[in-house]
Amino acid sequence: MFEQKYRRELELQVNSRECKEAFERLKSEHPIFKLYPTVESLCNLLKPGNKNYAHKDEVMAILLTEFKRSNAIYPLINMMFWDSLHRLYRQRKFRVAEPEELFNEIQWDFYRSVISHNLERLPRKIDVNIFLNTKKKVIAWEKENIRYKEALRELEDLHKAGMSPADLEESRVYPEEMEAYLLDMVYRKVITETQYDLILETLVYKRMNQREWAEKRGIPYNTVRSLRYRAEMAIRRFEEQRHKEED
């Protein structure tokens, strides 16, 4: 299943040379890690029910500060929140038609919450604030998703309409035309500029693969996969809705 695949890839990233080196350096610089010298001990620190908030905040503040310098430590942060994020997924997967889409949305919203957390404004209960911010974003996405589903439910024929990036490899559309189309999607706020750049570089012009793009843009690879999936789904919904209006 997709959750297991993501988990396996996350474990590989946590055990990568870059992540291990970053963690070892932090352990040598900060005494708190003598109490939490392993990935497992850090995951246990953030397990629901652990009320050692002082240690949680100290560890999270160090990790978030490091993350702002380099994304090498992000897989470790992601792994520490795995239980909470997966529990959120299990609680809400029955509310959506496509569980994988929800799972990817949770991972993307978590990444956004981690990277945007303000340590100066919110220095306490950091893990709780990041999780709640993630949940808020997911719920907002669900509400928007429901509006899409209600509109699409009126369609008698759910055939593929228009064109999406996923169809590009089988189409005869010139890359320049696809670039203009994607720019229009950004203008209409269907996709973001980051998603536009990702699709343009990895799928339209094929100047690099997704892993290379992730490294160049400083975004974790697993997050990039979620980012592209969300963009393709958003464009498909937009085209289906536009087709309905034209009919």
Protein backbone atom coordinates (compact mmCIF):
# COMPACT_ATOMS: atom_id res chain seq x y z
CA MET A 1 0.00 0.00 0.00
CA PHE A 2 1.02 3.61 -0.52
CA GLU A 3 1.44 4.28 3.23
CA GLN A 4 3.88 1.38 3.53
CA LYS A 5 5.77 2.50 0.45
CA TYR A 6 6.08 6.03 1.84
CA ARG A 7 7.22 4.64 5.19
CA ARG A 8 9.91 2.48 3.54
CA GLU A 9 11.20 5.42 1.53
CA LEU A 10 11.18 7.59 4.64
CA GLU A 11 13.24 5.01 6.54
CA LEU A 12 15.75 4.98 3.68
CA GLN A 13 16.00 8.77 3.86
CA VAL A 14 16.44 8.73 7.64
CA ASN A 15 19.29 6.25 7.18
CA SER A 16 20.87 8.23 4.35
CA ARG A 17 24.37 9.60 4.79
CA GLU A 18 23.16 13.22 4.75
CA CYS A 19 20.55 12.74 7.46
CA LYS A 20 22.83 10.61 9.64
CA GLU A 21 25.64 13.16 9.42
CA ALA A 22 23.30 16.01 10.31
CA PHE A 23 21.96 14.09 13.30
CA GLU A 24 25.43 13.11 14.53
CA ARG A 25 26.55 16.74 14.33
CA LEU A 26 23.55 17.89 16.35
CA LYS A 27 24.27 15.23 18.97
CA SER A 28 27.82 16.53 19.32
CA GLU A 29 26.63 20.13 19.65
CA HIS A 30 23.61 19.78 21.96
CA PRO A 31 23.70 17.86 25.29
CA ILE A 32 19.94 17.15 25.19
CA PHE A 33 20.59 14.47 22.57
CA LYS A 34 22.53 12.43 25.11
CA LEU A 35 19.08 11.58 26.45
CA TYR A 36 17.76 10.87 22.95
CA PRO A 37 20.67 9.44 20.97
CA THR A 38 18.65 7.35 18.49
CA VAL A 39 15.85 7.84 16.01
CA GLU A 40 13.69 5.48 18.06
CA SER A 41 14.20 7.50 21.25
CA LEU A 42 13.24 10.71 19.45
CA CYS A 43 10.11 9.07 18.05
CA ASN A 44 9.18 7.90 21.55
CA LEU A 45 9.65 11.44 22.84
CA LEU A 46 6.94 12.67 20.46
CA LYS A 47 4.53 9.80 20.95
CA PRO A 48 1.04 10.89 22.03
CA GLY A 49 0.80 10.89 25.81
CA ASN A 50 4.40 11.88 26.49
CA LYS A 51 4.11 15.05 28.58
CA ASN A 52 7.80 15.92 28.77
CA TYR A 53 7.12 19.24 27.06
CA ALA A 54 10.39 20.85 28.10
CA HIS A 55 12.46 18.18 26.35
CA LYS A 56 10.10 18.13 23.37
CA ASP A 57 10.42 21.87 22.89
CA GLU A 58 14.19 21.88 23.28
CA VAL A 59 14.63 19.06 20.75
CA MET A 60 12.13 20.48 18.28
CA ALA A 61 13.64 23.98 18.46
CA ILE A 62 17.06 22.55 17.59
CA LEU A 63 15.70 20.45 14.74
CA LEU A 64 13.64 23.29 13.24
CA THR A 65 16.60 25.66 13.43
CA GLU A 66 18.72 23.05 11.65
CA PHE A 67 15.98 22.49 9.06
CA LYS A 68 16.04 26.17 8.12
CA ARG A 69 19.71 25.69 7.21
CA SER A 70 19.37 22.36 5.42
CA ASN A 71 16.58 19.94 4.58
CA ALA A 72 18.85 16.96 5.35
CA ILE A 73 17.27 16.64 8.80
CA TYR A 74 13.66 16.75 7.55
CA PRO A 75 13.24 12.95 7.17
CA LEU A 76 14.01 12.62 10.88
CA ILE A 77 11.38 15.25 11.77
CA ASN A 78 8.89 13.51 9.49
CA MET A 79 9.62 10.16 11.13
CA MET A 80 9.15 11.61 14.63
CA PHE A 81 5.62 12.69 13.69
CA TRP A 82 4.78 9.49 11.82
CA ASP A 83 2.44 8.05 14.48
CA SER A 84 0.47 11.29 14.83
CA LEU A 85 0.20 11.89 11.08
CA HIS A 86 -0.78 8.31 10.35
CA ARG A 87 -3.41 8.43 13.08
CA LEU A 88 -4.79 11.61 11.49
CA TYR A 89 -4.93 9.79 8.15
CA ARG A 90 -6.77 6.80 9.64
CA GLN A 91 -9.29 9.08 11.35
CA ARG A 92 -10.15 11.02 8.18
CA LYS A 93 -9.72 8.57 5.32
CA PHE A 94 -13.40 7.59 5.41
CA ARG A 95 -14.33 11.20 4.61
CA VAL A 96 -12.70 11.16 1.19
CA ALA A 97 -13.13 9.15 -2.00
CA GLU A 98 -9.40 8.77 -2.61
CA PRO A 99 -7.41 7.90 0.55
CA GLU A 100 -4.07 8.21 -1.23
CA GLU A 101 -4.86 11.80 -2.10
CA LEU A 102 -5.61 12.49 1.57
CA PHE A 103 -2.37 10.81 2.65
CA ASN A 104 -0.34 12.95 0.24
CA GLU A 105 -2.19 16.06 1.36
CA ILE A 106 -1.35 15.35 5.01
CA GLN A 107 2.33 14.96 4.18
CA TRP A 108 2.36 18.16 2.14
CA ASP A 109 0.50 20.16 4.80
CA PHE A 110 2.83 18.82 7.48
CA TYR A 111 5.85 19.97 5.48
CA ARG A 112 4.30 23.42 5.07
CA SER A 113 3.56 23.56 8.81
CA VAL A 114 7.11 22.58 9.76
CA ILE A 115 8.79 25.04 7.40
CA SER A 116 6.52 27.93 8.43
CA HIS A 117 6.59 27.42 12.21
CA ASN A 118 7.71 30.59 13.99
CA LEU A 119 9.87 29.64 16.96
CA GLU A 120 9.95 33.17 18.33
CA ARG A 121 6.18 33.52 18.36
CA LEU A 122 5.41 29.91 19.35
CA PRO A 123 8.32 28.57 21.44
CA ARG A 124 6.19 26.24 23.59
CA LYS A 125 4.41 22.98 22.72
CA ILE A 126 6.02 23.11 19.30
CA ASP A 127 5.01 19.59 18.31
CA VAL A 128 1.37 20.22 19.28
CA ASN A 129 1.24 23.47 17.32
CA ILE A 130 2.74 21.90 14.21
CA PHE A 131 0.31 19.00 14.35
CA LEU A 132 -2.73 21.23 14.92
CA ASN A 133 -1.66 23.53 12.09
CA THR A 134 -1.34 20.49 9.84
CA LYS A 135 -4.79 19.28 10.82
CA LYS A 136 -6.32 22.71 10.15
CA LYS A 137 -4.83 22.74 6.66
CA VAL A 138 -6.10 19.22 5.97
CA ILE A 139 -9.62 20.09 7.10
CA ALA A 140 -9.61 23.20 4.89
CA TRP A 141 -8.51 21.03 1.97
CA GLU A 142 -11.28 18.52 2.72
CA LYS A 143 -13.91 21.28 2.61
CA GLU A 144 -12.61 22.49 -0.73
CA ASN A 145 -12.49 18.91 -1.97
CA ILE A 146 -16.14 18.38 -1.00
CA ARG A 147 -17.14 21.39 -3.07
CA TYR A 148 -15.36 19.88 -6.06
CA LYS A 149 -17.01 16.50 -5.52
CA GLU A 150 -20.47 18.01 -5.30
CA ALA A 151 -19.96 19.78 -8.61
CA LEU A 152 -18.55 16.70 -10.32
CA ARG A 153 -21.34 14.49 -9.01
CA GLU A 154 -23.66 16.20 -11.46
CA LEU A 155 -21.70 14.90 -14.41
CA GLU A 156 -23.41 11.98 -16.16
CA ASP A 157 -20.23 10.91 -17.86
CA LEU A 158 -17.00 11.08 -15.87
CA HIS A 159 -14.81 10.69 -18.92
CA LYS A 160 -11.47 12.41 -19.07
CA ALA A 161 -11.85 15.99 -20.14
CA GLY A 162 -9.24 18.43 -21.36
CA MET A 163 -5.58 17.76 -20.77
CA SER A 164 -3.50 17.20 -17.67
CA PRO A 165 0.25 16.89 -17.18
CA ALA A 166 -0.14 13.13 -16.74
CA ASP A 167 -1.38 12.91 -20.35
CA LEU A 168 1.56 14.78 -21.83
CA GLU A 169 3.70 11.77 -22.68
CA GLU A 170 0.92 10.36 -24.86
CA SER A 171 -0.04 13.67 -26.47
CA ARG A 172 1.24 15.64 -29.45
CA VAL A 173 1.11 18.97 -27.66
CA TYR A 174 4.20 21.11 -28.12
CA PRO A 175 6.08 21.89 -24.87
CA GLU A 176 5.63 25.63 -25.45
CA GLU A 177 1.85 25.16 -25.60
CA MET A 178 1.89 23.10 -22.42
CA GLU A 179 3.98 25.78 -20.71
CA ALA A 180 1.39 28.42 -21.64
CA TYR A 181 -1.39 26.12 -20.42
CA LEU A 182 0.33 25.61 -17.06
CA LEU A 183 0.89 29.36 -16.68
CA ASP A 184 -2.85 29.81 -17.17
CA MET A 185 -3.44 27.25 -14.41
CA VAL A 186 -1.21 29.33 -12.11
CA TYR A 187 -3.08 32.51 -13.08
CA ARG A 188 -6.39 30.80 -12.27
CA LYS A 189 -4.91 29.60 -8.93
CA VAL A 190 -5.48 25.96 -9.85
CA ILE A 191 -1.83 25.17 -9.15
CA THR A 192 0.97 27.06 -7.43
CA GLU A 193 4.11 28.51 -8.98
CA THR A 194 6.11 25.76 -7.28
CA GLN A 195 3.93 23.07 -8.86
CA TYR A 196 4.22 24.84 -12.22
CA ASP A 197 8.01 24.78 -11.98
CA LEU A 198 8.03 21.11 -10.94
CA ILE A 199 5.84 19.96 -13.84
CA LEU A 200 7.60 22.16 -16.36
CA GLU A 201 11.09 20.93 -15.50
CA THR A 202 10.37 17.24 -14.85
CA LEU A 203 7.56 16.44 -17.27
CA VAL A 204 7.24 19.04 -20.00
CA TYR A 205 10.87 19.75 -20.88
CA LYS A 206 12.32 16.79 -18.96
CA ARG A 207 15.40 18.77 -17.95
CA MET A 208 15.63 16.77 -14.72
CA ASN A 209 13.83 14.03 -12.83
CA GLN A 210 11.82 14.57 -9.66
CA ARG A 211 14.68 13.59 -7.34
CA GLU A 212 17.05 16.05 -9.03
CA TRP A 213 14.40 18.77 -8.87
CA ALA A 214 13.90 18.08 -5.16
CA GLU A 215 17.62 18.42 -4.48
CA LYS A 216 17.94 21.65 -6.48
CA ARG A 217 14.88 23.25 -4.85
CA GLY A 218 15.69 22.05 -1.33
CA ILE A 219 12.42 20.14 -0.89
CA PRO A 220 12.26 16.54 0.43
CA TYR A 221 11.71 14.00 -2.35
CA ASN A 222 8.62 12.41 -0.77
CA THR A 223 7.07 15.87 -0.50
CA VAL A 224 7.78 16.52 -4.17
CA ARG A 225 5.87 13.40 -5.20
CA SER A 226 2.87 14.60 -3.18
CA LEU A 227 3.21 18.05 -4.71
CA ARG A 228 3.02 16.75 -8.28
CA TYR A 229 0.15 14.39 -7.49
CA ARG A 230 -1.89 17.24 -6.00
CA ALA A 231 -1.21 19.44 -9.03
CA GLU A 232 -2.38 16.79 -11.47
CA MET A 233 -5.54 16.12 -9.47
CA ALA A 234 -6.31 19.85 -9.24
CA ILE A 235 -5.97 20.29 -13.01
CA ARG A 236 -8.13 17.26 -13.73
CA ARG A 237 -10.88 18.62 -11.46
CA PHE A 238 -10.66 22.05 -13.07
CA GLU A 239 -10.96 20.61 -16.57
CA GLU A 240 -13.86 18.36 -15.62
CA GLN A 241 -15.69 21.29 -14.07
CA ARG A 242 -15.00 23.47 -17.11
CA HIS A 243 -16.27 20.72 -19.39
CA LYS A 244 -19.48 20.52 -17.34
CA GLU A 245 -20.03 24.29 -17.65
CA GLU A 246 -19.48 24.18 -21.42
CA ASP A 247 -22.06 21.42 -21.77
